[in-house]
């Protein structure tokens, strides 16, 4: 599956779709509820949330699933 915007090719169509959304359309649907930063992929948001683990932010435990 070839990208119509650049020279990238993908063996899986969903990877092409994600590439177009994130790189060319600049979509960032995954938002951090603690600082409002947005990410193109859930895995990037998950990695980002780990940076908040030691911060003292109201509601942090609820958003991170910490009790």
PDB file of N, CA and C in Angstrom:
ATOM      1  N   UNK A   1       0.854  -1.174   0.000  1.00  0.00           N
ATOM      2  CA  UNK A   1       0.000   0.000   0.000  1.00  0.00           C
ATOM      3  C   UNK A   1       0.895   1.231   0.000  1.00  0.00           C
ATOM      4  N   UNK A   2       0.732   2.044  -1.017  1.00  0.00           N
ATOM      5  CA  UNK A   2       1.622   3.189  -1.222  1.00  0.00           C
ATOM      6  C   UNK A   2       0.916   4.494  -0.833  1.00  0.00           C
ATOM      7  N   UNK A   3       1.642   5.348  -0.152  1.00  0.00           N
ATOM      8  CA  UNK A   3       1.120   6.654   0.236  1.00  0.00           C
ATOM      9  C   UNK A   3       1.059   7.564  -0.989  1.00  0.00           C
ATOM     10  N   UNK A   4      -0.074   8.231  -1.170  1.00  0.00           N
ATOM     11  CA  UNK A   4      -0.216   9.132  -2.320  1.00  0.00           C
ATOM     12  C   UNK A   4       0.434  10.495  -2.080  1.00  0.00           C
ATOM     13  N   UNK A   5       0.903  10.736  -0.860  1.00  0.00           N
ATOM     14  CA  UNK A   5       1.511  12.023  -0.530  1.00  0.00           C
ATOM     15  C   UNK A   5       3.036  11.984  -0.494  1.00  0.00           C
ATOM     16  N   UNK A   6       3.595  10.794  -0.327  1.00  0.00           N
ATOM     17  CA  UNK A   6       5.054  10.673  -0.248  1.00  0.00           C
ATOM     18  C   UNK A   6       5.471   9.301  -0.789  1.00  0.00           C
ATOM     19  N   UNK A   7       6.726   8.950  -0.657  1.00  0.00           N
ATOM     20  CA  UNK A   7       7.252   7.702  -1.222  1.00  0.00           C
ATOM     21  C   UNK A   7       7.116   6.493  -0.307  1.00  0.00           C
ATOM     22  N   UNK A   8       6.496   6.640   0.855  1.00  0.00           N
ATOM     23  CA  UNK A   8       6.407   5.532   1.798  1.00  0.00           C
ATOM     24  C   UNK A   8       5.454   4.451   1.296  1.00  0.00           C
ATOM     25  N   UNK A   9       5.797   3.201   1.590  1.00  0.00           N
ATOM     26  CA  UNK A   9       4.947   2.048   1.278  1.00  0.00           C
ATOM     27  C   UNK A   9       4.754   1.232   2.542  1.00  0.00           C
ATOM     28  N   UNK A  10       3.615   0.555   2.626  1.00  0.00           N
ATOM     29  CA  UNK A  10       3.276  -0.234   3.802  1.00  0.00           C
ATOM     30  C   UNK A  10       2.696  -1.571   3.369  1.00  0.00           C
ATOM     31  N   UNK A  11       3.011  -2.613   4.091  1.00  0.00           N
ATOM     32  CA  UNK A  11       2.483  -3.938   3.764  1.00  0.00           C
ATOM     33  C   UNK A  11       1.086  -4.143   4.346  1.00  0.00           C
ATOM     34  N   UNK A  12       0.701  -3.301   5.298  1.00  0.00           N
ATOM     35  CA  UNK A  12      -0.611  -3.408   5.945  1.00  0.00           C
ATOM     36  C   UNK A  12      -1.355  -2.088   5.740  1.00  0.00           C
ATOM     37  N   UNK A  13      -2.587  -2.165   5.260  1.00  0.00           N
ATOM     38  CA  UNK A  13      -3.335  -0.945   4.926  1.00  0.00           C
ATOM     39  C   UNK A  13      -3.584  -0.062   6.142  1.00  0.00           C
ATOM     40  N   UNK A  14      -3.803  -0.655   7.307  1.00  0.00           N
ATOM     41  CA  UNK A  14      -4.047   0.160   8.506  1.00  0.00           C
ATOM     42  C   UNK A  14      -2.815   0.982   8.881  1.00  0.00           C
ATOM     43  N   UNK A  15      -1.624   0.471   8.586  1.00  0.00           N
ATOM     44  CA  UNK A  15      -0.405   1.248   8.837  1.00  0.00           C
ATOM     45  C   UNK A  15      -0.330   2.456   7.909  1.00  0.00           C
ATOM     46  N   UNK A  16      -0.752   2.275   6.666  1.00  0.00           N
ATOM     47  CA  UNK A  16      -0.813   3.401   5.733  1.00  0.00           C
ATOM     48  C   UNK A  16      -1.824   4.434   6.228  1.00  0.00           C
ATOM     49  N   UNK A  17      -2.984   3.986   6.656  1.00  0.00           N
ATOM     50  CA  UNK A  17      -4.012   4.905   7.151  1.00  0.00           C
ATOM     51  C   UNK A  17      -3.512   5.704   8.348  1.00  0.00           C
ATOM     52  N   UNK A  18      -2.842   5.034   9.284  1.00  0.00           N
ATOM     53  CA  UNK A  18      -2.291   5.715  10.459  1.00  0.00           C
ATOM     54  C   UNK A  18      -1.226   6.726  10.026  1.00  0.00           C
ATOM     55  N   UNK A  19      -0.376   6.336   9.087  1.00  0.00           N
ATOM     56  CA  UNK A  19       0.664   7.222   8.560  1.00  0.00           C
ATOM     57  C   UNK A  19       0.045   8.500   7.989  1.00  0.00           C
ATOM     58  N   UNK A  20      -0.966   8.369   7.154  1.00  0.00           N
ATOM     59  CA  UNK A  20      -1.607   9.532   6.531  1.00  0.00           C
ATOM     60  C   UNK A  20      -2.243  10.422   7.598  1.00  0.00           C
ATOM     61  N   UNK A  21      -2.951   9.816   8.554  1.00  0.00           N
ATOM     62  CA  UNK A  21      -3.584  10.602   9.627  1.00  0.00           C
ATOM     63  C   UNK A  21      -2.553  11.385  10.433  1.00  0.00           C
ATOM     64  N   UNK A  22      -1.501  10.699  10.852  1.00  0.00           N
ATOM     65  CA  UNK A  22      -0.521  11.310  11.758  1.00  0.00           C
ATOM     66  C   UNK A  22       0.457  12.239  11.059  1.00  0.00           C
ATOM     67  N   UNK A  23       0.962  11.848   9.906  1.00  0.00           N
ATOM     68  CA  UNK A  23       2.016  12.610   9.237  1.00  0.00           C
ATOM     69  C   UNK A  23       1.458  13.690   8.308  1.00  0.00           C
ATOM     70  N   UNK A  24       0.540  13.343   7.461  1.00  0.00           N
ATOM     71  CA  UNK A  24       0.064  14.285   6.451  1.00  0.00           C
ATOM     72  C   UNK A  24      -1.134  15.113   6.919  1.00  0.00           C
ATOM     73  N   UNK A  25      -2.065  14.502   7.634  1.00  0.00           N
ATOM     74  CA  UNK A  25      -3.238  15.238   8.112  1.00  0.00           C
ATOM     75  C   UNK A  25      -2.993  15.879   9.473  1.00  0.00           C
ATOM     76  N   UNK A  26      -1.873  15.526  10.105  1.00  0.00           N
ATOM     77  CA  UNK A  26      -1.481  16.077  11.406  1.00  0.00           C
ATOM     78  C   UNK A  26      -2.541  15.848  12.486  1.00  0.00           C
ATOM     79  N   UNK A  27      -3.294  14.741  12.367  1.00  0.00           N
ATOM     80  CA  UNK A  27      -4.313  14.435  13.368  1.00  0.00           C
ATOM     81  C   UNK A  27      -3.652  13.936  14.644  1.00  0.00           C
ATOM     82  N   UNK A  28      -4.139  14.435  15.763  1.00  0.00           N
ATOM     83  CA  UNK A  28      -3.636  14.022  17.073  1.00  0.00           C
ATOM     84  C   UNK A  28      -4.838  13.823  18.000  1.00  0.00           C
ATOM     85  N   UNK A  29      -5.532  12.704  17.849  1.00  0.00           N
ATOM     86  CA  UNK A  29      -6.775  12.498  18.595  1.00  0.00           C
ATOM     87  C   UNK A  29      -6.611  12.046  20.045  1.00  0.00           C
ATOM     88  N   UNK A  30      -5.396  11.743  20.478  1.00  0.00           N
ATOM     89  CA  UNK A  30      -5.182  11.233  21.831  1.00  0.00           C
ATOM     90  C   UNK A  30      -4.648  12.353  22.714  1.00  0.00           C
ATOM     91  N   UNK A  31      -5.480  12.819  23.652  1.00  0.00           N
ATOM     92  CA  UNK A  31      -5.170  14.002  24.448  1.00  0.00           C
ATOM     93  C   UNK A  31      -4.879  13.632  25.898  1.00  0.00           C
ATOM     94  N   UNK A  32      -3.829  14.215  26.438  1.00  0.00           N
ATOM     95  CA  UNK A  32      -3.493  14.049  27.848  1.00  0.00           C
ATOM     96  C   UNK A  32      -4.460  14.904  28.666  1.00  0.00           C
ATOM     97  N   UNK A  33      -5.169  14.277  29.602  1.00  0.00           N
ATOM     98  CA  UNK A  33      -6.126  15.005  30.430  1.00  0.00           C
ATOM     99  C   UNK A  33      -5.449  15.789  31.548  1.00  0.00           C
ATOM    100  N   UNK A  34      -4.154  15.617  31.692  1.00  0.00           N
ATOM    101  CA  UNK A  34      -3.433  16.325  32.746  1.00  0.00           C
ATOM    102  C   UNK A  34      -2.797  17.620  32.253  1.00  0.00           C
ATOM    103  N   UNK A  35      -2.340  17.646  31.007  1.00  0.00           N
ATOM    104  CA  UNK A  35      -1.669  18.853  30.499  1.00  0.00           C
ATOM    105  C   UNK A  35      -2.196  19.298  29.131  1.00  0.00           C
ATOM    106  N   UNK A  36      -3.159  18.557  28.583  1.00  0.00           N
ATOM    107  CA  UNK A  36      -3.798  18.880  27.292  1.00  0.00           C
ATOM    108  C   UNK A  36      -2.900  18.709  26.074  1.00  0.00           C
ATOM    109  N   UNK A  37      -1.746  18.081  26.224  1.00  0.00           N
ATOM    110  CA  UNK A  37      -0.897  17.793  25.070  1.00  0.00           C
ATOM    111  C   UNK A  37      -1.552  16.677  24.252  1.00  0.00           C
ATOM    112  N   UNK A  38      -1.438  16.730  22.930  1.00  0.00           N
ATOM    113  CA  UNK A  38      -2.089  15.756  22.052  1.00  0.00           C
ATOM    114  C   UNK A  38      -1.064  14.922  21.294  1.00  0.00           C
ATOM    115  N   UNK A  39      -1.482  13.691  20.963  1.00  0.00           N
ATOM    116  CA  UNK A  39      -0.602  12.731  20.311  1.00  0.00           C
ATOM    117  C   UNK A  39      -1.341  12.025  19.190  1.00  0.00           C
ATOM    118  N   UNK A  40      -0.590  11.567  18.213  1.00  0.00           N
ATOM    119  CA  UNK A  40      -1.157  10.871  17.072  1.00  0.00           C
ATOM    120  C   UNK A  40      -1.444   9.405  17.334  1.00  0.00           C
ATOM    121  N   UNK A  41      -0.801   8.832  18.347  1.00  0.00           N
ATOM    122  CA  UNK A  41      -0.980   7.414  18.642  1.00  0.00           C
ATOM    123  C   UNK A  41      -1.154   7.204  20.142  1.00  0.00           C
ATOM    124  N   UNK A  42      -1.975   6.226  20.494  1.00  0.00           N
ATOM    125  CA  UNK A  42      -2.219   5.894  21.896  1.00  0.00           C
ATOM    126  C   UNK A  42      -0.924   5.531  22.615  1.00  0.00           C
ATOM    127  N   UNK A  43      -0.039   4.810  21.942  1.00  0.00           N
ATOM    128  CA  UNK A  43       1.211   4.398  22.584  1.00  0.00           C
ATOM    129  C   UNK A  43       2.058   5.607  22.974  1.00  0.00           C
ATOM    130  N   UNK A  44       2.027   6.661  22.176  1.00  0.00           N
ATOM    131  CA  UNK A  44       2.774   7.871  22.518  1.00  0.00           C
ATOM    132  C   UNK A  44       2.153   8.586  23.715  1.00  0.00           C
ATOM    133  N   UNK A  45       0.822   8.593  23.797  1.00  0.00           N
ATOM    134  CA  UNK A  45       0.151   9.165  24.963  1.00  0.00           C
ATOM    135  C   UNK A  45       0.485   8.356  26.208  1.00  0.00           C
ATOM    136  N   UNK A  46       0.454   7.035  26.103  1.00  0.00           N
ATOM    137  CA  UNK A  46       0.771   6.174  27.247  1.00  0.00           C
ATOM    138  C   UNK A  46       2.178   6.456  27.764  1.00  0.00           C
ATOM    139  N   UNK A  47       3.128   6.583  26.868  1.00  0.00           N
ATOM    140  CA  UNK A  47       4.510   6.885  27.252  1.00  0.00           C
ATOM    141  C   UNK A  47       4.588   8.259  27.919  1.00  0.00           C
ATOM    142  N   UNK A  48       3.865   9.225  27.374  1.00  0.00           N
ATOM    143  CA  UNK A  48       3.837  10.575  27.934  1.00  0.00           C
ATOM    144  C   UNK A  48       3.253  10.570  29.348  1.00  0.00           C
ATOM    145  N   UNK A  49       2.171   9.816  29.565  1.00  0.00           N
ATOM    146  CA  UNK A  49       1.519   9.790  30.875  1.00  0.00           C
ATOM    147  C   UNK A  49       2.464   9.321  31.974  1.00  0.00           C
ATOM    148  N   UNK A  50       3.412   8.483  31.636  1.00  0.00           N
ATOM    149  CA  UNK A  50       4.382   8.017  32.630  1.00  0.00           C
ATOM    150  C   UNK A  50       5.221   9.171  33.170  1.00  0.00           C
ATOM    151  N   UNK A  51       5.375  10.222  32.387  1.00  0.00           N
ATOM    152  CA  UNK A  51       6.134  11.391  32.842  1.00  0.00           C
ATOM    153  C   UNK A  51       5.398  12.139  33.950  1.00  0.00           C
ATOM    154  N   UNK A  52       4.078  11.969  34.019  1.00  0.00           N
ATOM    155  CA  UNK A  52       3.274  12.640  35.039  1.00  0.00           C
ATOM    156  C   UNK A  52       3.207  11.853  36.348  1.00  0.00           C
ATOM    157  N   UNK A  53       3.728  10.642  36.386  1.00  0.00           N
ATOM    158  CA  UNK A  53       3.551   9.770  37.548  1.00  0.00           C
ATOM    159  C   UNK A  53       4.046  10.378  38.854  1.00  0.00           C
ATOM    160  N   UNK A  54       5.072  11.189  38.820  1.00  0.00           N
ATOM    161  CA  UNK A  54       5.636  11.734  40.051  1.00  0.00           C
ATOM    162  C   UNK A  54       5.273  13.201  40.272  1.00  0.00           C
ATOM    163  N   UNK A  55       4.360  13.717  39.459  1.00  0.00           N
ATOM    164  CA  UNK A  55       3.935  15.105  39.605  1.00  0.00           C
ATOM    165  C   UNK A  55       2.755  15.192  40.561  1.00  0.00           C
ATOM    166  N   UNK A  56       2.629  16.300  41.249  1.00  0.00           N
ATOM    167  CA  UNK A  56       1.522  16.529  42.167  1.00  0.00           C
ATOM    168  C   UNK A  56       0.478  17.395  41.460  1.00  0.00           C
ATOM    169  N   UNK A  57      -0.357  16.751  40.654  1.00  0.00           N
ATOM    170  CA  UNK A  57      -1.390  17.432  39.882  1.00  0.00           C
ATOM    171  C   UNK A  57      -2.745  16.935  40.378  1.00  0.00           C
ATOM    172  N   UNK A  58      -3.680  17.849  40.734  1.00  0.00           N
ATOM    173  CA  UNK A  58      -5.009  17.406  41.169  1.00  0.00           C
ATOM    174  C   UNK A  58      -5.667  16.519  40.112  1.00  0.00           C
ATOM    175  N   UNK A  59      -6.178  15.368  40.528  1.00  0.00           N
ATOM    176  CA  UNK A  59      -6.840  14.440  39.618  1.00  0.00           C
ATOM    177  C   UNK A  59      -5.904  13.494  38.906  1.00  0.00           C
ATOM    178  N   UNK A  60      -4.617  13.613  39.164  1.00  0.00           N
ATOM    179  CA  UNK A  60      -3.613  12.781  38.486  1.00  0.00           C
ATOM    180  C   UNK A  60      -3.869  11.300  38.703  1.00  0.00           C
ATOM    181  N   UNK A  61      -4.156  10.914  39.933  1.00  0.00           N
ATOM    182  CA  UNK A  61      -4.362   9.500  40.244  1.00  0.00           C
ATOM    183  C   UNK A  61      -5.526   8.919  39.455  1.00  0.00           C
ATOM    184  N   UNK A  62      -6.595   9.689  39.333  1.00  0.00           N
ATOM    185  CA  UNK A  62      -7.771   9.221  38.592  1.00  0.00           C
ATOM    186  C   UNK A  62      -7.437   8.976  37.124  1.00  0.00           C
ATOM    187  N   UNK A  63      -6.717   9.886  36.498  1.00  0.00           N
ATOM    188  CA  UNK A  63      -6.402   9.758  35.072  1.00  0.00           C
ATOM    189  C   UNK A  63      -5.352   8.693  34.795  1.00  0.00           C
ATOM    190  N   UNK A  64      -4.475   8.451  35.765  1.00  0.00           N
ATOM    191  CA  UNK A  64      -3.430   7.450  35.567  1.00  0.00           C
ATOM    192  C   UNK A  64      -3.851   6.075  36.062  1.00  0.00           C
ATOM    193  N   UNK A  65      -5.022   5.991  36.699  1.00  0.00           N
ATOM    194  CA  UNK A  65      -5.477   4.708  37.234  1.00  0.00           C
ATOM    195  C   UNK A  65      -4.754   4.321  38.510  1.00  0.00           C
ATOM    196  N   UNK A  66      -4.289   5.319  39.264  1.00  0.00           N
ATOM    197  CA  UNK A  66      -3.575   5.078  40.519  1.00  0.00           C
ATOM    198  C   UNK A  66      -4.536   5.345  41.667  1.00  0.00           C
ATOM    199  N   UNK A  67      -4.523   4.474  42.665  1.00  0.00           N
ATOM    200  CA  UNK A  67      -5.405   4.717  43.817  1.00  0.00           C
ATOM    201  C   UNK A  67      -4.614   5.100  45.043  1.00  0.00           C
TER     202      UNK A  67
END
